[in-house]
Structures are given as C-alpha cells and as structure tokens.
C-alpha cells in the first residue's frame, strides 16, 4: 500500500508505519502479508520457505511517546506475537 512506510529496524526486523484513523486496518495488512507468504511458500521446498511474526501497536496523537518508547512498544508487540505463534505451533504438534 502506498500509505505505509516500511523501514529496516535492524538485523531481520522491519517496521511498517501507517497513519490511520482506525488502527484495525493494520490487521488487514497483516492478513494480506500472511496470505502472500502462504502463496509464495507453496512454490518452494520446506527448507526454502519464509516465516515471520507480526506485532501490531497502535497509538493516537494524544499519546506522548518518544521515538525510543514507540520502538520499544513495537518491539514488545512483535515478541508477543512470536511467543503466541510458538505456543500455537507447539500445541498443534
């Protein structure tokens, strides 16, 4: 989407930022990313497939975050998503 700013945060971490009146829209972006990942992974053998975790953090204009605090919240959200994904994978086995 043209209204999403993407940047490499470090290593294999990326940040997508989108200005929105409704933070729920990012869940649609996450869904699209997951669908595209599934489509691509069907084309490749298991050892060449990709995976990622998506954490979503929404803040409002009234929220007063420094850049460091904002990135910390984003990071915590992503690690929570990773933890939940591992928990679901372990349960599925």
PDB file of N, CA and C in Angstrom:
ATOM      1  N   UNK A   1       0.833  -1.185   0.000  1.00  0.00           N
ATOM      2  CA  UNK A   1       0.000   0.000   0.000  1.00  0.00           C
ATOM      3  C   UNK A   1       0.877   1.248   0.000  1.00  0.00           C
ATOM      4  N   UNK A   2       0.476   2.251  -0.728  1.00  0.00           N
ATOM      5  CA  UNK A   2       1.279   3.469  -0.850  1.00  0.00           C
ATOM      6  C   UNK A   2       1.314   4.282   0.430  1.00  0.00           C
ATOM      7  N   UNK A   3       0.363   4.072   1.331  1.00  0.00           N
ATOM      8  CA  UNK A   3       0.307   4.865   2.545  1.00  0.00           C
ATOM      9  C   UNK A   3       0.988   4.193   3.732  1.00  0.00           C
ATOM     10  N   UNK A   4       1.824   3.186   3.470  1.00  0.00           N
ATOM     11  CA  UNK A   4       2.580   2.511   4.519  1.00  0.00           C
ATOM     12  C   UNK A   4       4.062   2.796   4.323  1.00  0.00           C
ATOM     13  N   UNK A   5       4.704   3.245   5.396  1.00  0.00           N
ATOM     14  CA  UNK A   5       6.140   3.490   5.388  1.00  0.00           C
ATOM     15  C   UNK A   5       6.811   2.259   5.968  1.00  0.00           C
ATOM     16  N   UNK A   6       7.708   1.663   5.234  1.00  0.00           N
ATOM     17  CA  UNK A   6       8.439   0.487   5.691  1.00  0.00           C
ATOM     18  C   UNK A   6       9.912   0.802   5.820  1.00  0.00           C
ATOM     19  N   UNK A   7      10.536   0.282   6.880  1.00  0.00           N
ATOM     20  CA  UNK A   7      11.963   0.513   7.079  1.00  0.00           C
ATOM     21  C   UNK A   7      12.574  -0.667   7.813  1.00  0.00           C
ATOM     22  N   UNK A   8      13.819  -0.940   7.506  1.00  0.00           N
ATOM     23  CA  UNK A   8      14.553  -1.971   8.236  1.00  0.00           C
ATOM     24  C   UNK A   8      14.925  -1.393   9.584  1.00  0.00           C
ATOM     25  N   UNK A   9      14.583  -2.117  10.639  1.00  0.00           N
ATOM     26  CA  UNK A   9      14.838  -1.653  12.004  1.00  0.00           C
ATOM     27  C   UNK A   9      16.178  -2.171  12.502  1.00  0.00           C
ATOM     28  N   UNK A  10      16.532  -3.358  12.087  1.00  0.00           N
ATOM     29  CA  UNK A  10      17.812  -3.936  12.482  1.00  0.00           C
ATOM     30  C   UNK A  10      17.797  -5.430  12.212  1.00  0.00           C
ATOM     31  N   UNK A  11      18.929  -5.954  11.782  1.00  0.00           N
ATOM     32  CA  UNK A  11      19.002  -7.386  11.522  1.00  0.00           C
ATOM     33  C   UNK A  11      17.906  -7.825  10.577  1.00  0.00           C
ATOM     34  N   UNK A  12      17.044  -8.679  11.081  1.00  0.00           N
ATOM     35  CA  UNK A  12      15.930  -9.167  10.260  1.00  0.00           C
ATOM     36  C   UNK A  12      14.597  -8.590  10.732  1.00  0.00           C
ATOM     37  N   UNK A  13      14.647  -7.414  11.349  1.00  0.00           N
ATOM     38  CA  UNK A  13      13.430  -6.769  11.832  1.00  0.00           C
ATOM     39  C   UNK A  13      13.092  -5.555  10.983  1.00  0.00           C
ATOM     40  N   UNK A  14      11.805  -5.438  10.675  1.00  0.00           N
ATOM     41  CA  UNK A  14      11.304  -4.339   9.866  1.00  0.00           C
ATOM     42  C   UNK A  14      10.126  -3.688  10.574  1.00  0.00           C
ATOM     43  N   UNK A  15       9.938  -2.423  10.331  1.00  0.00           N
ATOM     44  CA  UNK A  15       8.833  -1.670  10.911  1.00  0.00           C
ATOM     45  C   UNK A  15       7.981  -1.132   9.769  1.00  0.00           C
ATOM     46  N   UNK A  16       6.674  -1.311   9.886  1.00  0.00           N
ATOM     47  CA  UNK A  16       5.720  -0.709   8.953  1.00  0.00           C
ATOM     48  C   UNK A  16       4.920   0.310   9.750  1.00  0.00           C
ATOM     49  N   UNK A  17       4.861   1.526   9.250  1.00  0.00           N
ATOM     50  CA  UNK A  17       4.127   2.586   9.932  1.00  0.00           C
ATOM     51  C   UNK A  17       3.056   3.103   8.991  1.00  0.00           C
ATOM     52  N   UNK A  18       1.864   3.232   9.547  1.00  0.00           N
ATOM     53  CA  UNK A  18       0.736   3.716   8.747  1.00  0.00           C
ATOM     54  C   UNK A  18      -0.079   4.688   9.574  1.00  0.00           C
ATOM     55  N   UNK A  19      -0.324   5.867   9.028  1.00  0.00           N
ATOM     56  CA  UNK A  19      -1.226   6.816   9.664  1.00  0.00           C
ATOM     57  C   UNK A  19      -2.639   6.389   9.348  1.00  0.00           C
ATOM     58  N   UNK A  20      -3.471   6.316  10.378  1.00  0.00           N
ATOM     59  CA  UNK A  20      -4.820   5.812  10.177  1.00  0.00           C
ATOM     60  C   UNK A  20      -5.734   6.324  11.275  1.00  0.00           C
ATOM     61  N   UNK A  21      -6.964   6.511  10.929  1.00  0.00           N
ATOM     62  CA  UNK A  21      -7.977   6.861  11.927  1.00  0.00           C
ATOM     63  C   UNK A  21      -8.431   5.622  12.684  1.00  0.00           C
ATOM     64  N   UNK A  22      -8.250   4.460  12.079  1.00  0.00           N
ATOM     65  CA  UNK A  22      -8.729   3.210  12.643  1.00  0.00           C
ATOM     66  C   UNK A  22      -7.586   2.198  12.646  1.00  0.00           C
ATOM     67  N   UNK A  23      -7.012   1.930  13.802  1.00  0.00           N
ATOM     68  CA  UNK A  23      -5.878   1.022  13.902  1.00  0.00           C
ATOM     69  C   UNK A  23      -6.175  -0.395  13.467  1.00  0.00           C
ATOM     70  N   UNK A  24      -7.452  -0.759  13.394  1.00  0.00           N
ATOM     71  CA  UNK A  24      -7.807  -2.126  12.976  1.00  0.00           C
ATOM     72  C   UNK A  24      -7.387  -2.403  11.544  1.00  0.00           C
ATOM     73  N   UNK A  25      -7.155  -1.352  10.767  1.00  0.00           N
ATOM     74  CA  UNK A  25      -6.746  -1.545   9.371  1.00  0.00           C
ATOM     75  C   UNK A  25      -5.430  -2.309   9.270  1.00  0.00           C
ATOM     76  N   UNK A  26      -4.570  -2.187  10.274  1.00  0.00           N
ATOM     77  CA  UNK A  26      -3.291  -2.898  10.229  1.00  0.00           C
ATOM     78  C   UNK A  26      -3.497  -4.413  10.303  1.00  0.00           C
ATOM     79  N   UNK A  27      -4.597  -4.844  10.891  1.00  0.00           N
ATOM     80  CA  UNK A  27      -4.882  -6.278  10.912  1.00  0.00           C
ATOM     81  C   UNK A  27      -5.167  -6.778   9.493  1.00  0.00           C
ATOM     82  N   UNK A  28      -5.736  -5.918   8.652  1.00  0.00           N
ATOM     83  CA  UNK A  28      -5.930  -6.273   7.245  1.00  0.00           C
ATOM     84  C   UNK A  28      -4.585  -6.394   6.538  1.00  0.00           C
ATOM     85  N   UNK A  29      -3.661  -5.497   6.862  1.00  0.00           N
ATOM     86  CA  UNK A  29      -2.315  -5.550   6.278  1.00  0.00           C
ATOM     87  C   UNK A  29      -1.637  -6.849   6.709  1.00  0.00           C
ATOM     88  N   UNK A  30      -1.760  -7.192   7.996  1.00  0.00           N
ATOM     89  CA  UNK A  30      -1.171  -8.444   8.486  1.00  0.00           C
ATOM     90  C   UNK A  30      -1.757  -9.640   7.741  1.00  0.00           C
ATOM     91  N   UNK A  31      -3.054  -9.639   7.557  1.00  0.00           N
ATOM     92  CA  UNK A  31      -3.717 -10.734   6.847  1.00  0.00           C
ATOM     93  C   UNK A  31      -3.201 -10.854   5.414  1.00  0.00           C
ATOM     94  N   UNK A  32      -3.032  -9.727   4.746  1.00  0.00           N
ATOM     95  CA  UNK A  32      -2.512  -9.748   3.376  1.00  0.00           C
ATOM     96  C   UNK A  32      -1.088 -10.290   3.343  1.00  0.00           C
ATOM     97  N   UNK A  33      -0.258  -9.887   4.313  1.00  0.00           N
ATOM     98  CA  UNK A  33       1.111 -10.401   4.376  1.00  0.00           C
ATOM     99  C   UNK A  33       1.113 -11.914   4.577  1.00  0.00           C
ATOM    100  N   UNK A  34       0.270 -12.399   5.479  1.00  0.00           N
ATOM    101  CA  UNK A  34       0.201 -13.842   5.738  1.00  0.00           C
ATOM    102  C   UNK A  34      -0.285 -14.606   4.503  1.00  0.00           C
ATOM    103  N   UNK A  35      -1.284 -14.063   3.806  1.00  0.00           N
ATOM    104  CA  UNK A  35      -1.783 -14.716   2.587  1.00  0.00           C
ATOM    105  C   UNK A  35      -0.707 -14.779   1.514  1.00  0.00           C
ATOM    106  N   UNK A  36       0.018 -13.688   1.325  1.00  0.00           N
ATOM    107  CA  UNK A  36       1.081 -13.669   0.317  1.00  0.00           C
ATOM    108  C   UNK A  36       2.217 -14.616   0.694  1.00  0.00           C
ATOM    109  N   UNK A  37       2.530 -14.693   1.984  1.00  0.00           N
ATOM    110  CA  UNK A  37       3.564 -15.628   2.447  1.00  0.00           C
ATOM    111  C   UNK A  37       3.146 -17.059   2.115  1.00  0.00           C
ATOM    112  N   UNK A  38       1.897 -17.402   2.400  1.00  0.00           N
ATOM    113  CA  UNK A  38       1.407 -18.759   2.121  1.00  0.00           C
ATOM    114  C   UNK A  38       1.481 -19.074   0.636  1.00  0.00           C
ATOM    115  N   UNK A  39       1.104 -18.126  -0.214  1.00  0.00           N
ATOM    116  CA  UNK A  39       1.164 -18.337  -1.671  1.00  0.00           C
ATOM    117  C   UNK A  39       2.592 -18.601  -2.118  1.00  0.00           C
ATOM    118  N   UNK A  40       3.525 -17.785  -1.640  1.00  0.00           N
ATOM    119  CA  UNK A  40       4.927 -17.959  -2.033  1.00  0.00           C
ATOM    120  C   UNK A  40       5.497 -19.268  -1.504  1.00  0.00           C
ATOM    121  N   UNK A  41       5.156 -19.603  -0.264  1.00  0.00           N
ATOM    122  CA  UNK A  41       5.719 -20.824   0.328  1.00  0.00           C
ATOM    123  C   UNK A  41       5.243 -22.088  -0.371  1.00  0.00           C
ATOM    124  N   UNK A  42       4.098 -22.045  -1.024  1.00  0.00           N
ATOM    125  CA  UNK A  42       3.637 -23.218  -1.777  1.00  0.00           C
ATOM    126  C   UNK A  42       4.536 -23.498  -2.983  1.00  0.00           C
ATOM    127  N   UNK A  43       5.297 -22.494  -3.410  1.00  0.00           N
ATOM    128  CA  UNK A  43       6.161 -22.640  -4.577  1.00  0.00           C
ATOM    129  C   UNK A  43       7.553 -23.188  -4.239  1.00  0.00           C
ATOM    130  N   UNK A  44       7.898 -23.238  -2.952  1.00  0.00           N
ATOM    131  CA  UNK A  44       9.256 -23.580  -2.553  1.00  0.00           C
ATOM    132  C   UNK A  44       9.279 -24.802  -1.633  1.00  0.00           C
ATOM    133  N   UNK A  45      10.400 -25.529  -1.648  1.00  0.00           N
ATOM    134  CA  UNK A  45      10.530 -26.659  -0.719  1.00  0.00           C
ATOM    135  C   UNK A  45      10.581 -26.132   0.728  1.00  0.00           C
ATOM    136  N   UNK A  46      10.236 -26.978   1.698  1.00  0.00           N
ATOM    137  CA  UNK A  46      10.160 -26.527   3.096  1.00  0.00           C
ATOM    138  C   UNK A  46      11.404 -25.789   3.606  1.00  0.00           C
ATOM    139  N   UNK A  47      12.593 -26.252   3.229  1.00  0.00           N
ATOM    140  CA  UNK A  47      13.814 -25.619   3.743  1.00  0.00           C
ATOM    141  C   UNK A  47      14.077 -24.235   3.118  1.00  0.00           C
ATOM    142  N   UNK A  48      13.312 -23.845   2.116  1.00  0.00           N
ATOM    143  CA  UNK A  48      13.482 -22.538   1.477  1.00  0.00           C
ATOM    144  C   UNK A  48      12.307 -21.597   1.729  1.00  0.00           C
ATOM    145  N   UNK A  49      11.369 -22.015   2.554  1.00  0.00           N
ATOM    146  CA  UNK A  49      10.198 -21.188   2.821  1.00  0.00           C
ATOM    147  C   UNK A  49      10.520 -20.089   3.836  1.00  0.00           C
ATOM    148  N   UNK A  50       9.709 -19.058   3.795  1.00  0.00           N
ATOM    149  CA  UNK A  50       9.903 -17.940   4.708  1.00  0.00           C
ATOM    150  C   UNK A  50       8.860 -17.977   5.825  1.00  0.00           C
ATOM    151  N   UNK A  51       9.189 -17.323   6.910  1.00  0.00           N
ATOM    152  CA  UNK A  51       8.251 -17.158   8.007  1.00  0.00           C
ATOM    153  C   UNK A  51       8.545 -15.822   8.669  1.00  0.00           C
ATOM    154  N   UNK A  52       7.550 -15.282   9.304  1.00  0.00           N
ATOM    155  CA  UNK A  52       7.728 -14.031  10.042  1.00  0.00           C
ATOM    156  C   UNK A  52       6.628 -13.900  11.075  1.00  0.00           C
ATOM    157  N   UNK A  53       6.867 -13.024  12.029  1.00  0.00           N
ATOM    158  CA  UNK A  53       5.872 -12.694  13.037  1.00  0.00           C
ATOM    159  C   UNK A  53       5.534 -11.222  12.904  1.00  0.00           C
ATOM    160  N   UNK A  54       4.267 -10.899  13.147  1.00  0.00           N
ATOM    161  CA  UNK A  54       3.807  -9.525  13.021  1.00  0.00           C
ATOM    162  C   UNK A  54       3.215  -9.086  14.351  1.00  0.00           C
ATOM    163  N   UNK A  55       3.760  -8.017  14.891  1.00  0.00           N
ATOM    164  CA  UNK A  55       3.181  -7.404  16.080  1.00  0.00           C
ATOM    165  C   UNK A  55       2.568  -6.078  15.676  1.00  0.00           C
ATOM    166  N   UNK A  56       1.415  -5.776  16.220  1.00  0.00           N
ATOM    167  CA  UNK A  56       0.727  -4.535  15.869  1.00  0.00           C
ATOM    168  C   UNK A  56       0.612  -3.670  17.109  1.00  0.00           C
ATOM    169  N   UNK A  57       1.007  -2.424  16.973  1.00  0.00           N
ATOM    170  CA  UNK A  57       0.924  -1.459  18.061  1.00  0.00           C
ATOM    171  C   UNK A  57       0.299  -0.185  17.498  1.00  0.00           C
ATOM    172  N   UNK A  58      -0.752   0.289  18.123  1.00  0.00           N
ATOM    173  CA  UNK A  58      -1.442   1.498  17.666  1.00  0.00           C
ATOM    174  C   UNK A  58      -1.315   2.587  18.719  1.00  0.00           C
ATOM    175  N   UNK A  59      -1.082   3.791  18.280  1.00  0.00           N
ATOM    176  CA  UNK A  59      -1.063   4.922  19.203  1.00  0.00           C
ATOM    177  C   UNK A  59      -1.804   6.084  18.556  1.00  0.00           C
ATOM    178  N   UNK A  60      -2.235   6.989  19.364  1.00  0.00           N
ATOM    179  CA  UNK A  60      -3.014   8.150  18.923  1.00  0.00           C
ATOM    180  C   UNK A  60      -2.169   9.417  19.045  1.00  0.00           C
ATOM    181  N   UNK A  61      -2.632  10.476  18.411  1.00  0.00           N
ATOM    182  CA  UNK A  61      -1.932  11.762  18.503  1.00  0.00           C
ATOM    183  C   UNK A  61      -1.756  12.208  19.954  1.00  0.00           C
ATOM    184  N   UNK A  62      -2.738  11.868  20.786  1.00  0.00           N
ATOM    185  CA  UNK A  62      -2.679  12.309  22.176  1.00  0.00           C
ATOM    186  C   UNK A  62      -1.645  11.531  22.990  1.00  0.00           C
ATOM    187  N   UNK A  63      -1.235  10.364  22.489  1.00  0.00           N
ATOM    188  CA  UNK A  63      -0.203   9.587  23.176  1.00  0.00           C
ATOM    189  C   UNK A  63       1.133  10.293  23.018  1.00  0.00           C
ATOM    190  N   UNK A  64       1.838  10.417  24.092  1.00  0.00           N
ATOM    191  CA  UNK A  64       3.126  11.108  24.064  1.00  0.00           C
ATOM    192  C   UNK A  64       4.256  10.089  24.188  1.00  0.00           C
ATOM    193  N   UNK A  65       4.753   9.642  23.047  1.00  0.00           N
ATOM    194  CA  UNK A  65       5.847   8.694  23.015  1.00  0.00           C
ATOM    195  C   UNK A  65       7.082   9.352  22.426  1.00  0.00           C
ATOM    196  N   UNK A  66       8.226   9.071  23.021  1.00  0.00           N
ATOM    197  CA  UNK A  66       9.464   9.412  22.339  1.00  0.00           C
ATOM    198  C   UNK A  66       9.666   8.350  21.262  1.00  0.00           C
ATOM    199  N   UNK A  67      10.572   8.597  20.348  1.00  0.00           N
ATOM    200  CA  UNK A  67      10.860   7.601  19.310  1.00  0.00           C
ATOM    201  C   UNK A  67      11.319   6.295  19.952  1.00  0.00           C
ATOM    202  N   UNK A  68      12.121   6.382  20.994  1.00  0.00           N
ATOM    203  CA  UNK A  68      12.624   5.193  21.678  1.00  0.00           C
ATOM    204  C   UNK A  68      11.479   4.411  22.329  1.00  0.00           C
ATOM    205  N   UNK A  69      10.554   5.112  22.981  1.00  0.00           N
ATOM    206  CA  UNK A  69       9.404   4.450  23.608  1.00  0.00           C
ATOM    207  C   UNK A  69       8.501   3.800  22.557  1.00  0.00           C
ATOM    208  N   UNK A  70       8.309   4.494  21.453  1.00  0.00           N
ATOM    209  CA  UNK A  70       7.485   3.954  20.369  1.00  0.00           C
ATOM    210  C   UNK A  70       8.080   2.652  19.843  1.00  0.00           C
ATOM    211  N   UNK A  71       9.379   2.658  19.570  1.00  0.00           N
ATOM    212  CA  UNK A  71      10.032   1.459  19.056  1.00  0.00           C
ATOM    213  C   UNK A  71      10.025   0.338  20.089  1.00  0.00           C
ATOM    214  N   UNK A  72      10.142   0.684  21.366  1.00  0.00           N
ATOM    215  CA  UNK A  72      10.083  -0.332  22.420  1.00  0.00           C
ATOM    216  C   UNK A  72       8.703  -0.995  22.432  1.00  0.00           C
ATOM    217  N   UNK A  73       7.650  -0.214  22.309  1.00  0.00           N
ATOM    218  CA  UNK A  73       6.297  -0.772  22.260  1.00  0.00           C
ATOM    219  C   UNK A  73       6.118  -1.665  21.030  1.00  0.00           C
ATOM    220  N   UNK A  74       6.637  -1.222  19.893  1.00  0.00           N
ATOM    221  CA  UNK A  74       6.559  -2.025  18.667  1.00  0.00           C
ATOM    222  C   UNK A  74       7.291  -3.355  18.863  1.00  0.00           C
ATOM    223  N   UNK A  75       8.478  -3.295  19.449  1.00  0.00           N
ATOM    224  CA  UNK A  75       9.292  -4.480  19.675  1.00  0.00           C
ATOM    225  C   UNK A  75       8.579  -5.461  20.608  1.00  0.00           C
ATOM    226  N   UNK A  76       7.997  -4.952  21.683  1.00  0.00           N
ATOM    227  CA  UNK A  76       7.278  -5.816  22.623  1.00  0.00           C
ATOM    228  C   UNK A  76       6.088  -6.491  21.950  1.00  0.00           C
ATOM    229  N   UNK A  77       5.395  -5.759  21.105  1.00  0.00           N
ATOM    230  CA  UNK A  77       4.261  -6.314  20.379  1.00  0.00           C
ATOM    231  C   UNK A  77       4.706  -7.441  19.449  1.00  0.00           C
ATOM    232  N   UNK A  78       5.815  -7.252  18.772  1.00  0.00           N
ATOM    233  CA  UNK A  78       6.325  -8.266  17.856  1.00  0.00           C
ATOM    234  C   UNK A  78       6.766  -9.514  18.626  1.00  0.00           C
ATOM    235  N   UNK A  79       7.451  -9.344  19.756  1.00  0.00           N
ATOM    236  CA  UNK A  79       7.892 -10.503  20.525  1.00  0.00           C
ATOM    237  C   UNK A  79       6.711 -11.255  21.133  1.00  0.00           C
ATOM    238  N   UNK A  80       5.657 -10.545  21.484  1.00  0.00           N
ATOM    239  CA  UNK A  80       4.440 -11.201  21.977  1.00  0.00           C
ATOM    240  C   UNK A  80       3.826 -12.059  20.861  1.00  0.00           C
ATOM    241  N   UNK A  81       3.815 -11.514  19.648  1.00  0.00           N
ATOM    242  CA  UNK A  81       3.285 -12.272  18.507  1.00  0.00           C
ATOM    243  C   UNK A  81       4.136 -13.525  18.258  1.00  0.00           C
ATOM    244  N   UNK A  82       5.463 -13.406  18.361  1.00  0.00           N
ATOM    245  CA  UNK A  82       6.338 -14.564  18.187  1.00  0.00           C
ATOM    246  C   UNK A  82       6.052 -15.625  19.249  1.00  0.00           C
ATOM    247  N   UNK A  83       5.884 -15.170  20.483  1.00  0.00           N
ATOM    248  CA  UNK A  83       5.606 -16.091  21.586  1.00  0.00           C
ATOM    249  C   UNK A  83       4.286 -16.830  21.347  1.00  0.00           C
ATOM    250  N   UNK A  84       3.265 -16.113  20.909  1.00  0.00           N
ATOM    251  CA  UNK A  84       1.970 -16.727  20.641  1.00  0.00           C
ATOM    252  C   UNK A  84       2.060 -17.714  19.479  1.00  0.00           C
ATOM    253  N   UNK A  85       2.838 -17.359  18.447  1.00  0.00           N
ATOM    254  CA  UNK A  85       2.994 -18.255  17.287  1.00  0.00           C
ATOM    255  C   UNK A  85       3.680 -19.556  17.716  1.00  0.00           C
ATOM    256  N   UNK A  86       4.730 -19.461  18.549  1.00  0.00           N
ATOM    257  CA  UNK A  86       5.430 -20.656  19.019  1.00  0.00           C
ATOM    258  C   UNK A  86       4.503 -21.501  19.881  1.00  0.00           C
ATOM    259  N   UNK A  87       3.695 -20.851  20.690  1.00  0.00           N
ATOM    260  CA  UNK A  87       2.754 -21.569  21.553  1.00  0.00           C
ATOM    261  C   UNK A  87       1.733 -22.330  20.713  1.00  0.00           C
ATOM    262  N   UNK A  88       1.225 -21.688  19.657  1.00  0.00           N
ATOM    263  CA  UNK A  88       0.256 -22.347  18.766  1.00  0.00           C
ATOM    264  C   UNK A  88       0.905 -23.504  18.025  1.00  0.00           C
ATOM    265  N   UNK A  89       2.154 -23.339  17.597  1.00  0.00           N
ATOM    266  CA  UNK A  89       2.857 -24.395  16.874  1.00  0.00           C
ATOM    267  C   UNK A  89       3.093 -25.596  17.784  1.00  0.00           C
ATOM    268  N   UNK A  90       3.450 -25.342  19.021  1.00  0.00           N
ATOM    269  CA  UNK A  90       3.705 -26.439  19.976  1.00  0.00           C
ATOM    270  C   UNK A  90       2.399 -27.178  20.275  1.00  0.00           C
ATOM    271  N   UNK A  91       1.307 -26.456  20.365  1.00  0.00           N
ATOM    272  CA  UNK A  91       0.015 -27.068  20.634  1.00  0.00           C
ATOM    273  C   UNK A  91      -0.436 -27.932  19.464  1.00  0.00           C
ATOM    274  N   UNK A  92      -0.112 -27.516  18.248  1.00  0.00           N
ATOM    275  CA  UNK A  92      -0.524 -28.247  17.047  1.00  0.00           C
ATOM    276  C   UNK A  92       0.202 -29.580  16.921  1.00  0.00           C
ATOM    277  N   UNK A  93       1.372 -29.705  17.533  1.00  0.00           N
ATOM    278  CA  UNK A  93       2.141 -30.959  17.436  1.00  0.00           C
ATOM    279  C   UNK A  93       1.507 -31.956  18.310  1.00  0.00           C
TER     280      UNK A  93
END
